[in-house]
Amino acid sequence: MKKTRRILWILLLPLYTACSTTYLGQSGKLGGSDWRTASREPVGLAPDPATTPEAVVQVYAARTISWRGYFGVHTWIAVKPSNADHFTVHEVIGYRLRRTGTVVVSRERPPDGRWFGAYPELLRDVRGPGVDALITRIEAAVLRYPYPASYHAWPGPNSNTFTAFVLREVPELRVDLPPTAIGKDYLGMIPVARTPSGTGGQVNLLGVAGIAAGWEEGLEVNVLGLTFGVDPRSFSIKLPLLGRIGPSESEPVIID
């Protein structure tokens, strides 16, 4: 029986990988292979600051550039205080370390811009008078990020480690990061933490192996940085490569 299951896994894993990569290659979700020519144009998911006086926080994910986009996404957080005329995007970019001495980048740019050609997914949109206080805490968390001088695409710390850290510091955002956000579970030398949404807890060993459970995340198992999970609340399953299969919440949330 054990031998049969082993043979079945050996047969199914390459089939799943082949089907997943074929689907992703034809889905239009992947970006370009040349960072110099790939589009960074906004796609219309962010409000116009000129006509949006209220405070806004948005969290995005998009497939990474080149072949890595088949496996993972890059995530970022965009903030616009009340009456501000622009968004500030907070993210981690690995190649900036050599140039500036830190991987943390905070800059004015379209929050919904394509990530080197890849179409972004809006994970959370939070608005309202109470959001200014959240933005203050987000910006304080950005400054406290514990790995500004370190970057590893796998298993972390990376851009998703950064976003997950900030989200844990501001749990009111209640963001369920995609299962393809490799590095979100990297906790450093302390293996226990809240889930990124702040609605549960997790145990993880250096982003390589662990388990997480939360109201937003459902149940997730991390194996070699890859996430397998189920979210009973939204009737979704979570898989490597394909990501979430099922509905996700991205409608604006109003905070008084």
C-alpha atoms as a PDB file:
ATOM      1  CA  MET A   1       0.000   0.000   0.000  1.00  0.00           C
ATOM      2  CA  LYS A   2       2.782   2.446   0.908  1.00  0.00           C
ATOM      3  CA  LYS A   3       4.619   1.541  -2.282  1.00  0.00           C
ATOM      4  CA  THR A   4       1.479   2.201  -4.313  1.00  0.00           C
ATOM      5  CA  ARG A   5       1.013   5.643  -2.752  1.00  0.00           C
ATOM      6  CA  ARG A   6       4.660   6.466  -3.402  1.00  0.00           C
ATOM      7  CA  ILE A   7       4.341   5.507  -7.061  1.00  0.00           C
ATOM      8  CA  LEU A   8       1.133   7.543  -7.328  1.00  0.00           C
ATOM      9  CA  TRP A   9       2.866  10.643  -5.948  1.00  0.00           C
ATOM     10  CA  ILE A  10       5.811  10.126  -8.305  1.00  0.00           C
ATOM     11  CA  LEU A  11       3.374  10.081 -11.242  1.00  0.00           C
ATOM     12  CA  LEU A  12       1.083  12.906 -10.103  1.00  0.00           C
ATOM     13  CA  LEU A  13       3.731  15.463  -9.136  1.00  0.00           C
ATOM     14  CA  PRO A  14       5.242  15.869 -12.635  1.00  0.00           C
ATOM     15  CA  LEU A  15       1.730  15.891 -14.134  1.00  0.00           C
ATOM     16  CA  TYR A  16       0.568  18.616 -11.755  1.00  0.00           C
ATOM     17  CA  THR A  17       3.699  20.667 -12.399  1.00  0.00           C
ATOM     18  CA  ALA A  18       3.339  20.357 -16.177  1.00  0.00           C
ATOM     19  CA  CYS A  19      -0.365  21.260 -16.145  1.00  0.00           C
ATOM     20  CA  SER A  20       0.179  24.192 -13.756  1.00  0.00           C
ATOM     21  CA  THR A  21       3.046  25.721 -15.719  1.00  0.00           C
ATOM     22  CA  THR A  22       1.122  25.329 -18.980  1.00  0.00           C
ATOM     23  CA  TYR A  23      -1.916  27.061 -17.490  1.00  0.00           C
ATOM     24  CA  LEU A  24       0.147  29.904 -16.038  1.00  0.00           C
ATOM     25  CA  GLY A  25       2.005  30.372 -19.291  1.00  0.00           C
ATOM     26  CA  GLN A  26      -1.294  30.884 -21.126  1.00  0.00           C
ATOM     27  CA  SER A  27      -3.162  32.777 -18.394  1.00  0.00           C
ATOM     28  CA  GLY A  28      -1.612  36.193 -18.946  1.00  0.00           C
ATOM     29  CA  LYS A  29      -0.684  36.429 -15.248  1.00  0.00           C
ATOM     30  CA  LEU A  30       3.059  36.196 -15.827  1.00  0.00           C
ATOM     31  CA  GLY A  31       5.251  39.186 -16.547  1.00  0.00           C
ATOM     32  CA  GLY A  32       7.932  39.717 -19.140  1.00  0.00           C
ATOM     33  CA  SER A  33      11.350  38.118 -19.251  1.00  0.00           C
ATOM     34  CA  ASP A  34      13.236  41.365 -19.896  1.00  0.00           C
ATOM     35  CA  TRP A  35      13.028  43.854 -17.020  1.00  0.00           C
ATOM     36  CA  ARG A  36      14.233  46.684 -19.276  1.00  0.00           C
ATOM     37  CA  THR A  37      11.222  46.520 -21.583  1.00  0.00           C
ATOM     38  CA  ALA A  38       8.495  45.075 -19.303  1.00  0.00           C
ATOM     39  CA  SER A  39       5.481  47.291 -18.620  1.00  0.00           C
ATOM     40  CA  ARG A  40       5.109  49.069 -15.272  1.00  0.00           C
ATOM     41  CA  GLU A  41       1.863  50.824 -16.231  1.00  0.00           C
ATOM     42  CA  PRO A  42      -1.045  51.054 -13.717  1.00  0.00           C
ATOM     43  CA  VAL A  43      -4.057  48.847 -14.424  1.00  0.00           C
ATOM     44  CA  GLY A  44      -6.880  50.835 -12.796  1.00  0.00           C
ATOM     45  CA  LEU A  45      -7.207  49.083  -9.421  1.00  0.00           C
ATOM     46  CA  ALA A  46      -6.166  52.116  -7.346  1.00  0.00           C
ATOM     47  CA  PRO A  47      -8.284  55.230  -6.788  1.00  0.00           C
ATOM     48  CA  ASP A  48      -7.138  58.574  -8.172  1.00  0.00           C
ATOM     49  CA  PRO A  49      -5.650  60.564  -5.249  1.00  0.00           C
ATOM     50  CA  ALA A  50      -6.854  63.772  -6.890  1.00  0.00           C
ATOM     51  CA  THR A  51     -10.475  62.732  -6.433  1.00  0.00           C
ATOM     52  CA  THR A  52     -10.098  60.559  -3.320  1.00  0.00           C
ATOM     53  CA  PRO A  53      -9.613  62.707  -0.210  1.00  0.00           C
ATOM     54  CA  GLU A  54     -10.066  59.812   2.246  1.00  0.00           C
ATOM     55  CA  ALA A  55      -7.132  57.763   3.553  1.00  0.00           C
ATOM     56  CA  VAL A  56      -6.444  54.518   1.669  1.00  0.00           C
ATOM     57  CA  VAL A  57      -4.291  51.433   2.247  1.00  0.00           C
ATOM     58  CA  GLN A  58      -3.942  48.825  -0.482  1.00  0.00           C
ATOM     59  CA  VAL A  59      -2.017  45.545  -0.508  1.00  0.00           C
ATOM     60  CA  TYR A  60      -1.007  43.928  -3.799  1.00  0.00           C
ATOM     61  CA  ALA A  61       0.652  40.803  -5.197  1.00  0.00           C
ATOM     62  CA  ALA A  62       1.977  40.068  -8.678  1.00  0.00           C
ATOM     63  CA  ARG A  63       3.974  37.272 -10.210  1.00  0.00           C
ATOM     64  CA  THR A  64       7.719  37.853 -10.122  1.00  0.00           C
ATOM     65  CA  ILE A  65       9.777  38.368 -13.248  1.00  0.00           C
ATOM     66  CA  SER A  66      11.025  35.643 -15.588  1.00  0.00           C
ATOM     67  CA  TRP A  67      10.827  31.918 -14.684  1.00  0.00           C
ATOM     68  CA  ARG A  68      10.437  32.679 -10.973  1.00  0.00           C
ATOM     69  CA  GLY A  69       6.938  33.945 -11.702  1.00  0.00           C
ATOM     70  CA  TYR A  70       5.771  30.359 -12.137  1.00  0.00           C
ATOM     71  CA  PHE A  71       6.521  29.719  -8.471  1.00  0.00           C
ATOM     72  CA  GLY A  72       6.013  32.954  -6.574  1.00  0.00           C
ATOM     73  CA  VAL A  73       4.700  36.467  -6.271  1.00  0.00           C
ATOM     74  CA  HIS A  74       6.075  39.814  -5.143  1.00  0.00           C
ATOM     75  CA  THR A  75       3.927  41.726  -2.636  1.00  0.00           C
ATOM     76  CA  TRP A  76       3.786  45.360  -1.551  1.00  0.00           C
ATOM     77  CA  ILE A  77       1.808  47.837   0.549  1.00  0.00           C
ATOM     78  CA  ALA A  78       0.591  51.226  -0.721  1.00  0.00           C
ATOM     79  CA  VAL A  79      -0.606  54.043   1.557  1.00  0.00           C
ATOM     80  CA  LYS A  80      -2.274  57.412   0.970  1.00  0.00           C
ATOM     81  CA  PRO A  81      -3.084  59.567   4.007  1.00  0.00           C
ATOM     82  CA  SER A  82      -6.138  61.811   4.007  1.00  0.00           C
ATOM     83  CA  ASN A  83      -5.917  64.594   1.390  1.00  0.00           C
ATOM     84  CA  ALA A  84      -2.522  63.383   0.127  1.00  0.00           C
ATOM     85  CA  ASP A  85      -1.970  63.869  -3.601  1.00  0.00           C
ATOM     86  CA  HIS A  86      -0.055  60.607  -4.135  1.00  0.00           C
ATOM     87  CA  PHE A  87       0.464  57.042  -2.902  1.00  0.00           C
ATOM     88  CA  THR A  88       3.645  55.851  -1.222  1.00  0.00           C
ATOM     89  CA  VAL A  89       4.535  52.228  -1.930  1.00  0.00           C
ATOM     90  CA  HIS A  90       6.528  50.242   0.638  1.00  0.00           C
ATOM     91  CA  GLU A  91       8.259  47.085  -0.604  1.00  0.00           C
ATOM     92  CA  VAL A  92      11.476  45.081  -0.545  1.00  0.00           C
ATOM     93  CA  ILE A  93      13.605  44.834  -3.697  1.00  0.00           C
ATOM     94  CA  GLY A  94      16.638  42.579  -3.473  1.00  0.00           C
ATOM     95  CA  TYR A  95      18.952  44.259  -5.961  1.00  0.00           C
ATOM     96  CA  ARG A  96      18.640  47.587  -4.113  1.00  0.00           C
ATOM     97  CA  LEU A  97      20.793  46.188  -1.286  1.00  0.00           C
ATOM     98  CA  ARG A  98      24.048  46.545  -3.190  1.00  0.00           C
ATOM     99  CA  ARG A  99      23.113  49.997  -4.427  1.00  0.00           C
ATOM    100  CA  THR A 100      21.693  51.586  -1.277  1.00  0.00           C
ATOM    101  CA  GLY A 101      22.634  49.312   1.638  1.00  0.00           C
ATOM    102  CA  THR A 102      19.007  48.359   2.328  1.00  0.00           C
ATOM    103  CA  VAL A 103      16.384  46.262   0.561  1.00  0.00           C
ATOM    104  CA  VAL A 104      13.498  48.374   1.873  1.00  0.00           C
ATOM    105  CA  VAL A 105      12.176  50.823  -0.699  1.00  0.00           C
ATOM    106  CA  SER A 106       9.552  53.498   0.051  1.00  0.00           C
ATOM    107  CA  ARG A 107       8.715  55.637  -2.945  1.00  0.00           C
ATOM    108  CA  GLU A 108       5.976  57.436  -4.816  1.00  0.00           C
ATOM    109  CA  ARG A 109       4.721  55.221  -7.644  1.00  0.00           C
ATOM    110  CA  PRO A 110       1.363  53.943  -8.969  1.00  0.00           C
ATOM    111  CA  PRO A 111       0.262  51.332  -6.406  1.00  0.00           C
ATOM    112  CA  ASP A 112      -1.430  49.241  -9.088  1.00  0.00           C
ATOM    113  CA  GLY A 113       1.432  49.294 -11.582  1.00  0.00           C
ATOM    114  CA  ARG A 114       2.298  46.075 -13.353  1.00  0.00           C
ATOM    115  CA  TRP A 115       5.239  44.300 -11.762  1.00  0.00           C
ATOM    116  CA  PHE A 116       7.559  44.018 -14.764  1.00  0.00           C
ATOM    117  CA  GLY A 117       4.604  43.153 -16.953  1.00  0.00           C
ATOM    118  CA  ALA A 118       2.709  40.952 -14.485  1.00  0.00           C
ATOM    119  CA  TYR A 119      -0.852  42.015 -13.706  1.00  0.00           C
ATOM    120  CA  PRO A 120      -1.236  42.838  -9.976  1.00  0.00           C
ATOM    121  CA  GLU A 121      -3.872  41.298  -7.726  1.00  0.00           C
ATOM    122  CA  LEU A 122      -5.511  43.567  -5.152  1.00  0.00           C
ATOM    123  CA  LEU A 123      -5.476  41.676  -1.858  1.00  0.00           C
ATOM    124  CA  ARG A 124      -6.979  44.350   0.397  1.00  0.00           C
ATOM    125  CA  ASP A 125      -8.393  47.864   0.037  1.00  0.00           C
ATOM    126  CA  VAL A 126      -8.976  49.681   3.332  1.00  0.00           C
ATOM    127  CA  ARG A 127     -10.420  53.205   3.501  1.00  0.00           C
ATOM    128  CA  GLY A 128     -11.988  55.641   5.912  1.00  0.00           C
ATOM    129  CA  PRO A 129     -11.219  58.146   8.665  1.00  0.00           C
ATOM    130  CA  GLY A 130      -9.622  55.514  10.903  1.00  0.00           C
ATOM    131  CA  VAL A 131      -7.059  54.572   8.253  1.00  0.00           C
ATOM    132  CA  ASP A 132      -4.714  57.496   8.952  1.00  0.00           C
ATOM    133  CA  ALA A 133      -3.845  55.905  12.299  1.00  0.00           C
ATOM    134  CA  LEU A 134      -3.159  52.595  10.532  1.00  0.00           C
ATOM    135  CA  ILE A 135      -0.865  54.339   8.050  1.00  0.00           C
ATOM    136  CA  THR A 136       1.158  55.795  10.922  1.00  0.00           C
ATOM    137  CA  ARG A 137       1.605  52.295  12.350  1.00  0.00           C
ATOM    138  CA  ILE A 138       2.430  50.841   8.915  1.00  0.00           C
ATOM    139  CA  GLU A 139       5.181  53.389   8.395  1.00  0.00           C
ATOM    140  CA  ALA A 140       6.565  52.708  11.875  1.00  0.00           C
ATOM    141  CA  ALA A 141       6.589  48.964  11.113  1.00  0.00           C
ATOM    142  CA  VAL A 142       8.445  49.590   7.850  1.00  0.00           C
ATOM    143  CA  LEU A 143      11.197  51.275   9.853  1.00  0.00           C
ATOM    144  CA  ARG A 144      11.324  48.330  12.292  1.00  0.00           C
ATOM    145  CA  TYR A 145      11.666  45.623   9.620  1.00  0.00           C
ATOM    146  CA  PRO A 146      14.368  43.340  11.078  1.00  0.00           C
ATOM    147  CA  TYR A 147      16.099  42.285   7.819  1.00  0.00           C
ATOM    148  CA  PRO A 148      16.863  45.508   5.880  1.00  0.00           C
ATOM    149  CA  ALA A 149      20.361  44.259   4.972  1.00  0.00           C
ATOM    150  CA  SER A 150      19.444  40.709   3.980  1.00  0.00           C
ATOM    151  CA  TYR A 151      17.661  39.168   0.993  1.00  0.00           C
ATOM    152  CA  HIS A 152      17.170  35.567  -0.135  1.00  0.00           C
ATOM    153  CA  ALA A 153      14.573  34.690  -2.766  1.00  0.00           C
ATOM    154  CA  TRP A 154      14.139  31.314  -1.032  1.00  0.00           C
ATOM    155  CA  PRO A 155      13.180  30.668   1.719  1.00  0.00           C
ATOM    156  CA  GLY A 156      13.517  34.283   2.914  1.00  0.00           C
ATOM    157  CA  PRO A 157      13.789  36.934   4.074  1.00  0.00           C
ATOM    158  CA  ASN A 158      12.453  38.553   0.910  1.00  0.00           C
ATOM    159  CA  SER A 159       9.692  40.895  -0.264  1.00  0.00           C
ATOM    160  CA  ASN A 160       6.955  38.659   1.125  1.00  0.00           C
ATOM    161  CA  THR A 161       8.727  38.386   4.479  1.00  0.00           C
ATOM    162  CA  PHE A 162       8.627  42.183   4.621  1.00  0.00           C
ATOM    163  CA  THR A 163       4.927  42.450   3.754  1.00  0.00           C
ATOM    164  CA  ALA A 164       4.012  39.710   6.228  1.00  0.00           C
ATOM    165  CA  PHE A 165       6.009  41.468   8.981  1.00  0.00           C
ATOM    166  CA  VAL A 166       4.205  44.760   8.435  1.00  0.00           C
ATOM    167  CA  LEU A 167       0.811  43.029   8.307  1.00  0.00           C
ATOM    168  CA  ARG A 168       1.483  41.272  11.618  1.00  0.00           C
ATOM    169  CA  GLU A 169       2.240  44.683  13.127  1.00  0.00           C
ATOM    170  CA  VAL A 170      -1.073  46.072  11.829  1.00  0.00           C
ATOM    171  CA  PRO A 171      -3.470  43.100  12.138  1.00  0.00           C
ATOM    172  CA  GLU A 172      -6.523  45.299  11.499  1.00  0.00           C
ATOM    173  CA  LEU A 173      -5.752  44.946   7.788  1.00  0.00           C
ATOM    174  CA  ARG A 174      -6.578  41.196   7.993  1.00  0.00           C
ATOM    175  CA  VAL A 175      -4.741  40.255   4.803  1.00  0.00           C
ATOM    176  CA  ASP A 176      -4.448  36.634   3.734  1.00  0.00           C
ATOM    177  CA  LEU A 177      -1.276  36.579   1.636  1.00  0.00           C
ATOM    178  CA  PRO A 178      -1.319  34.211  -1.365  1.00  0.00           C
ATOM    179  CA  PRO A 179       0.115  30.714  -0.922  1.00  0.00           C
ATOM    180  CA  THR A 180       2.550  31.662  -3.700  1.00  0.00           C
ATOM    181  CA  ALA A 181       4.018  34.436  -1.497  1.00  0.00           C
ATOM    182  CA  ILE A 182       7.123  32.378  -0.756  1.00  0.00           C
ATOM    183  CA  GLY A 183       8.890  33.845   2.263  1.00  0.00           C
ATOM    184  CA  LYS A 184       5.760  35.055   4.066  1.00  0.00           C
ATOM    185  CA  ASP A 185       6.263  32.355   6.694  1.00  0.00           C
ATOM    186  CA  TYR A 186       9.919  33.143   7.329  1.00  0.00           C
ATOM    187  CA  LEU A 187      10.096  34.020  11.044  1.00  0.00           C
ATOM    188  CA  GLY A 188      13.843  34.111  11.607  1.00  0.00           C
ATOM    189  CA  MET A 189      15.126  32.502  14.773  1.00  0.00           C
ATOM    190  CA  ILE A 190      11.793  32.808  16.612  1.00  0.00           C
ATOM    191  CA  PRO A 191       9.624  29.990  15.239  1.00  0.00           C
ATOM    192  CA  VAL A 192       6.263  31.123  16.653  1.00  0.00           C
ATOM    193  CA  ALA A 193       4.210  34.143  15.532  1.00  0.00           C
ATOM    194  CA  ARG A 194       0.803  35.368  14.535  1.00  0.00           C
ATOM    195  CA  THR A 195      -0.258  34.645  10.988  1.00  0.00           C
ATOM    196  CA  PRO A 196       0.137  37.647   8.637  1.00  0.00           C
ATOM    197  CA  SER A 197      -3.596  38.379   8.911  1.00  0.00           C
ATOM    198  CA  GLY A 198      -3.315  38.560  12.692  1.00  0.00           C
ATOM    199  CA  THR A 199      -6.264  36.170  13.021  1.00  0.00           C
ATOM    200  CA  GLY A 200      -4.358  33.032  14.004  1.00  0.00           C
ATOM    201  CA  GLY A 201      -0.990  31.552  14.860  1.00  0.00           C
ATOM    202  CA  GLN A 202       1.814  29.679  13.164  1.00  0.00           C
ATOM    203  CA  VAL A 203       4.940  27.667  13.852  1.00  0.00           C
ATOM    204  CA  ASN A 204       7.671  27.670  11.230  1.00  0.00           C
ATOM    205  CA  LEU A 205      11.334  26.703  10.948  1.00  0.00           C
ATOM    206  CA  LEU A 206      13.191  29.351   8.891  1.00  0.00           C
ATOM    207  CA  GLY A 207      10.497  29.430   6.211  1.00  0.00           C
ATOM    208  CA  VAL A 208      11.187  25.805   5.245  1.00  0.00           C
ATOM    209  CA  ALA A 209       8.640  23.823   7.230  1.00  0.00           C
ATOM    210  CA  GLY A 210       5.689  24.701   9.428  1.00  0.00           C
ATOM    211  CA  ILE A 211       1.965  24.971   9.962  1.00  0.00           C
ATOM    212  CA  ALA A 212      -0.397  27.942  10.237  1.00  0.00           C
ATOM    213  CA  ALA A 213      -4.058  28.312  11.153  1.00  0.00           C
ATOM    214  CA  GLY A 214      -6.193  31.454  11.207  1.00  0.00           C
ATOM    215  CA  TRP A 215      -9.649  32.812  10.499  1.00  0.00           C
ATOM    216  CA  GLU A 216      -8.433  34.472   7.277  1.00  0.00           C
ATOM    217  CA  GLU A 217      -5.835  31.889   6.232  1.00  0.00           C
ATOM    218  CA  GLY A 218      -7.676  28.710   7.107  1.00  0.00           C
ATOM    219  CA  LEU A 219      -5.204  25.847   7.545  1.00  0.00           C
ATOM    220  CA  GLU A 220      -1.830  25.954   5.775  1.00  0.00           C
ATOM    221  CA  VAL A 221       1.114  23.566   5.719  1.00  0.00           C
ATOM    222  CA  ASN A 222       4.528  24.805   4.605  1.00  0.00           C
ATOM    223  CA  VAL A 223       6.855  22.244   3.007  1.00  0.00           C
ATOM    224  CA  LEU A 224      10.218  23.470   1.685  1.00  0.00           C
ATOM    225  CA  GLY A 225       8.741  26.950   1.364  1.00  0.00           C
ATOM    226  CA  LEU A 226       5.731  25.731  -0.630  1.00  0.00           C
ATOM    227  CA  THR A 227       2.248  26.203   0.814  1.00  0.00           C
ATOM    228  CA  PHE A 228      -0.597  23.691   0.765  1.00  0.00           C
ATOM    229  CA  GLY A 229      -3.837  24.671   2.455  1.00  0.00           C
ATOM    230  CA  VAL A 230      -7.576  24.879   2.685  1.00  0.00           C
ATOM    231  CA  ASP A 231      -9.767  27.848   3.589  1.00  0.00           C
ATOM    232  CA  PRO A 232     -13.180  26.513   4.646  1.00  0.00           C
ATOM    233  CA  ARG A 233     -14.575  30.019   5.136  1.00  0.00           C
ATOM    234  CA  SER A 234     -14.278  30.871   1.442  1.00  0.00           C
ATOM    235  CA  PHE A 235     -14.378  27.294   0.108  1.00  0.00           C
ATOM    236  CA  SER A 236     -10.871  27.663  -1.346  1.00  0.00           C
ATOM    237  CA  ILE A 237      -7.843  25.437  -1.597  1.00  0.00           C
ATOM    238  CA  LYS A 238      -4.259  26.681  -1.719  1.00  0.00           C
ATOM    239  CA  LEU A 239      -1.557  25.072  -3.824  1.00  0.00           C
ATOM    240  CA  PRO A 240       1.985  25.778  -5.008  1.00  0.00           C
ATOM    241  CA  LEU A 241       2.290  27.238  -8.525  1.00  0.00           C
ATOM    242  CA  LEU A 242      -1.455  27.807  -9.038  1.00  0.00           C
ATOM    243  CA  GLY A 243      -2.045  29.639  -5.756  1.00  0.00           C
ATOM    244  CA  ARG A 244      -5.565  30.040  -4.368  1.00  0.00           C
ATOM    245  CA  ILE A 245      -8.320  28.163  -6.175  1.00  0.00           C
ATOM    246  CA  GLY A 246     -11.586  29.757  -5.118  1.00  0.00           C
ATOM    247  CA  PRO A 247     -12.912  33.215  -4.195  1.00  0.00           C
ATOM    248  CA  SER A 248     -10.897  35.866  -2.373  1.00  0.00           C
ATOM    249  CA  GLU A 249     -11.970  39.140  -0.753  1.00  0.00           C
ATOM    250  CA  SER A 250     -10.728  42.401  -2.269  1.00  0.00           C
ATOM    251  CA  GLU A 251     -13.677  44.769  -1.879  1.00  0.00           C
ATOM    252  CA  PRO A 252     -12.950  48.048  -0.028  1.00  0.00           C
ATOM    253  CA  VAL A 253     -13.184  47.780   3.760  1.00  0.00           C
ATOM    254  CA  ILE A 254     -14.277  50.925   5.593  1.00  0.00           C
ATOM    255  CA  ILE A 255     -12.689  51.640   8.987  1.00  0.00           C
ATOM    256  CA  ASP A 256     -14.360  54.322  11.121  1.00  0.00           C
END
